[in-house]
């Protein structure tokens, strides 16, 4: 069974923000590398809140689409 969420994301250590995130405290997400069932993603403003776990292949495709500017608003 795949895990889709983590109720308390603060229970994990090693979260990182994108290097493209500014220091203004705006809307940012954080990800955790090396998680066994996918890529946990959380809101940086709510570190004790939940995180969703995105399948690794889906996260890789999402990041590639952003880098290639293939997403539209």
Protein backbone atom coordinates (compact mmCIF):
# COMPACT_ATOMS: atom_id res chain seq x y z
CA UNK A 1 0.00 0.00 0.00
CA UNK A 2 1.35 3.41 -0.95
CA UNK A 3 1.48 6.20 1.58
CA UNK A 4 -0.21 9.39 0.32
CA UNK A 5 0.21 11.70 3.31
CA UNK A 6 2.12 12.27 6.51
CA UNK A 7 -0.08 13.79 9.24
CA UNK A 8 2.75 15.59 11.11
CA UNK A 9 5.52 16.56 8.71
CA UNK A 10 7.71 17.86 11.56
CA UNK A 11 8.39 14.24 12.53
CA UNK A 12 10.80 14.02 9.58
CA UNK A 13 14.14 15.80 9.28
CA UNK A 14 16.03 17.11 6.26
CA UNK A 15 13.40 19.29 4.59
CA UNK A 16 14.67 21.76 2.01
CA UNK A 17 13.24 24.71 0.10
CA UNK A 18 13.93 25.39 -3.53
CA UNK A 19 17.02 27.45 -4.21
CA UNK A 20 14.68 29.71 -6.21
CA UNK A 21 12.72 30.61 -3.06
CA UNK A 22 13.42 34.04 -1.71
CA UNK A 23 13.97 34.99 1.91
CA UNK A 24 10.86 37.19 2.09
CA UNK A 25 8.81 34.48 3.81
CA UNK A 26 6.35 34.11 0.96
CA UNK A 27 4.58 31.00 -0.24
CA UNK A 28 7.06 28.17 -0.44
CA UNK A 29 7.02 24.44 -0.45
CA UNK A 30 9.62 22.16 1.03
CA UNK A 31 10.55 18.69 -0.11
CA UNK A 32 12.33 15.80 1.56
CA UNK A 33 14.82 13.72 -0.38
CA UNK A 34 15.36 10.01 0.18
CA UNK A 35 11.92 9.10 1.50
CA UNK A 36 11.21 5.45 0.62
CA UNK A 37 7.70 5.76 -0.87
CA UNK A 38 7.99 9.02 -2.86
CA UNK A 39 8.71 12.71 -2.38
CA UNK A 40 7.06 14.34 0.65
CA UNK A 41 5.97 17.94 -0.01
CA UNK A 42 4.85 20.39 2.70
CA UNK A 43 3.96 24.05 3.16
CA UNK A 44 7.00 25.79 4.66
CA UNK A 45 4.71 28.06 6.70
CA UNK A 46 3.13 25.05 8.45
CA UNK A 47 5.99 22.65 9.30
CA UNK A 48 3.88 20.78 11.88
CA UNK A 49 1.09 20.32 9.36
CA UNK A 50 0.63 17.47 6.94
CA UNK A 51 2.75 16.62 3.93
CA UNK A 52 1.59 14.90 0.79
CA UNK A 53 3.72 12.14 -0.66
CA UNK A 54 4.05 12.41 -4.45
CA UNK A 55 5.19 9.33 -6.38
CA UNK A 56 8.82 9.78 -7.40
CA UNK A 57 8.10 9.46 -11.14
CA UNK A 58 5.34 12.08 -10.91
CA UNK A 59 7.58 14.51 -9.01
CA UNK A 60 10.40 14.03 -11.53
CA UNK A 61 8.00 14.76 -14.41
CA UNK A 62 6.63 17.84 -12.63
CA UNK A 63 10.10 19.29 -11.99
CA UNK A 64 11.15 18.60 -15.60
CA UNK A 65 8.02 20.37 -16.89
CA UNK A 66 8.79 23.42 -14.75
CA UNK A 67 12.40 23.54 -15.89
CA UNK A 68 11.32 23.20 -19.54
CA UNK A 69 8.61 25.88 -19.11
CA UNK A 70 5.92 23.42 -20.26
CA UNK A 71 3.31 24.43 -17.67
CA UNK A 72 0.80 27.16 -18.26
CA UNK A 73 -1.18 29.12 -15.69
